[in-house]
Protein backbone atom coordinates (compact mmCIF):
# COMPACT_ATOMS: atom_id res chain seq x y z
CA UNK A 1 -0.19 0.08 0.04
CA UNK A 2 1.05 3.79 -0.66
CA UNK A 3 1.46 5.65 2.61
CA UNK A 4 -2.00 7.80 1.42
CA UNK A 5 -3.78 4.29 1.21
CA UNK A 6 -2.35 3.08 4.81
CA UNK A 7 -3.54 6.29 6.21
CA UNK A 8 -6.76 5.77 4.68
CA UNK A 9 -6.75 2.14 5.62
CA UNK A 10 -6.06 3.23 9.22
CA UNK A 11 -9.58 5.41 9.42
CA UNK A 12 -11.56 2.45 7.74
CA UNK A 13 -10.12 -0.68 9.20
CA UNK A 14 -11.86 -3.00 11.58
CA UNK A 15 -15.29 -0.76 10.96
CA UNK A 16 -14.01 2.38 12.47
CA UNK A 17 -15.57 4.76 10.31
CA UNK A 18 -19.29 4.38 11.78
CA UNK A 19 -19.35 0.90 11.57
CA UNK A 20 -18.95 0.03 8.30
CA UNK A 21 -17.11 -2.82 7.03
CA UNK A 22 -14.05 -2.29 4.32
CA UNK A 23 -12.15 -4.62 2.66
CA UNK A 24 -8.99 -3.91 0.89
CA UNK A 25 -6.91 -4.62 -2.29
CA UNK A 26 -10.22 -6.67 -2.70
CA UNK A 27 -10.10 -8.72 -6.15
CA UNK A 28 -12.95 -7.43 -8.64
CA UNK A 29 -12.75 -9.16 -12.26
CA UNK A 30 -9.07 -9.08 -11.83
CA UNK A 31 -8.51 -5.71 -10.88
CA UNK A 32 -7.11 -5.06 -7.28
CA UNK A 33 -9.67 -2.34 -5.44
CA UNK A 34 -8.05 -0.31 -3.24
CA UNK A 35 -10.70 -0.50 -0.43
CA UNK A 36 -14.60 -2.17 -1.04
CA UNK A 37 -17.71 -1.49 0.82
CA UNK A 38 -19.56 -4.63 0.10
CA UNK A 39 -22.87 -3.54 1.62
CA UNK A 40 -22.98 -0.37 -0.18
CA UNK A 41 -21.38 -1.40 -3.51
CA UNK A 42 -18.63 1.31 -3.18
CA UNK A 43 -15.20 1.04 -4.24
CA UNK A 44 -13.08 3.51 -3.00
CA UNK A 45 -9.81 4.37 -5.27
CA UNK A 46 -6.59 5.97 -3.57
CA UNK A 47 -5.02 7.47 -6.58
CA UNK A 48 -1.71 9.15 -7.18
CA UNK A 49 0.62 10.74 -9.87
CA UNK A 50 0.56 7.54 -11.97
CA UNK A 51 -3.24 7.88 -12.44
CA UNK A 52 -2.34 10.99 -14.78
CA UNK A 53 -0.60 8.68 -17.13
CA UNK A 54 -3.30 6.37 -16.92
CA UNK A 55 -6.39 7.57 -17.52
CA UNK A 56 -8.12 5.96 -20.06
CA UNK A 57 -6.97 2.70 -18.48
CA UNK A 58 -8.75 4.20 -15.43
CA UNK A 59 -11.72 4.52 -17.12
CA UNK A 60 -11.62 1.42 -18.61
CA UNK A 61 -11.22 -0.49 -15.35
CA UNK A 62 -14.01 2.23 -14.22
CA UNK A 63 -16.54 0.70 -16.70
CA UNK A 64 -15.96 -2.99 -16.13
CA UNK A 65 -16.45 -2.53 -12.16
CA UNK A 66 -19.23 -0.42 -12.87
CA UNK A 67 -20.86 -3.13 -14.90
CA UNK A 68 -21.46 -5.19 -11.78
CA UNK A 69 -23.75 -2.16 -10.45
CA UNK A 70 -20.97 -0.84 -8.22
CA UNK A 71 -19.94 2.40 -7.48
CA UNK A 72 -15.83 3.97 -7.98
CA UNK A 73 -15.39 7.05 -5.92
CA UNK A 74 -11.59 8.56 -6.52
CA UNK A 75 -9.58 10.55 -4.03
CA UNK A 76 -6.05 11.67 -4.70
CA UNK A 77 -3.24 11.03 -2.30
CA UNK A 78 -3.18 14.75 -1.55
CA UNK A 79 -6.86 14.75 -0.82
CA UNK A 80 -6.10 11.59 1.74
CA UNK A 81 -3.35 13.11 3.44
CA UNK A 82 -4.38 16.86 3.34
CA UNK A 83 -8.03 16.59 3.61
CA UNK A 84 -8.60 13.46 5.73
CA UNK A 85 -11.69 14.45 7.56
CA UNK A 86 -13.47 15.51 4.03
CA UNK A 87 -12.38 12.29 2.27
CA UNK A 88 -14.29 10.45 5.38
CA UNK A 89 -16.97 12.37 5.13
CA UNK A 90 -17.43 11.95 1.44
CA UNK A 91 -17.16 8.04 1.68
CA UNK A 92 -19.52 7.81 4.67
CA UNK A 93 -22.05 9.96 2.57
CA UNK A 94 -21.56 7.39 -0.21
CA UNK A 95 -22.20 4.61 1.92
CA UNK A 96 -25.12 5.76 2.86
CA UNK A 97 -26.37 6.92 -0.21
CA UNK A 98 -25.53 3.80 -1.53
CA UNK A 99 -26.91 1.28 0.99
CA UNK A 100 -30.21 -0.19 0.62
CA UNK A 101 -32.74 1.04 2.97
CA UNK A 102 -35.08 -1.94 4.41
CA UNK A 103 -38.62 -0.99 3.35
CA UNK A 104 -41.56 -0.05 5.48
CA UNK A 105 -43.49 -2.95 6.88
CA UNK A 106 -46.35 -0.55 7.21
CA UNK A 107 -45.96 -1.01 11.12
CA UNK A 108 -48.15 1.18 14.08
CA UNK A 109 -46.92 4.55 13.99
CA UNK A 110 -44.29 4.46 10.72
CA UNK A 111 -45.45 7.93 9.23
CA UNK A 112 -48.46 7.79 7.00
CA UNK A 113 -49.97 4.72 8.48
CA UNK A 114 -53.27 4.97 10.27
CA UNK A 115 -53.66 3.03 13.59
CA UNK A 116 -56.82 0.30 13.44
CA UNK A 117 -59.67 2.00 15.26
C-alpha cells in the first residue's frame, strides 16, 4: 500500500468509520480495488501521480467494475493526506446513499400509517 492508502486504511479498518465494513485490496474482475464496501457496493480508489498518465486504463477499469453495479469513488493521495476528515465524510455519505434501506412494513406508528380504530 502507498502511504496515502495506509492513512486511509487506518481509518476504515475494523469498521472504524461508523461501523461500516471495508475490505482492502479486493479483487474484482481481475482488478485490485484499493478499498471495497460490499454492503454499499462502493469501491474507493486512492490515486497518485501515476493515474495522471493512465487515465484511459482507469476509465476502462471503472467501466468494467461499474458494469457489476458497483460505484467507484476516486480520491487523490493529496486529498487523503491533507483533507482526511473531508474524504471520510464523502465516503460515509456515499455509503449512506448507496446502502439499500429495508422496506417499510407499514407498522403502527410509522408516518402515513393509520392506527386501527
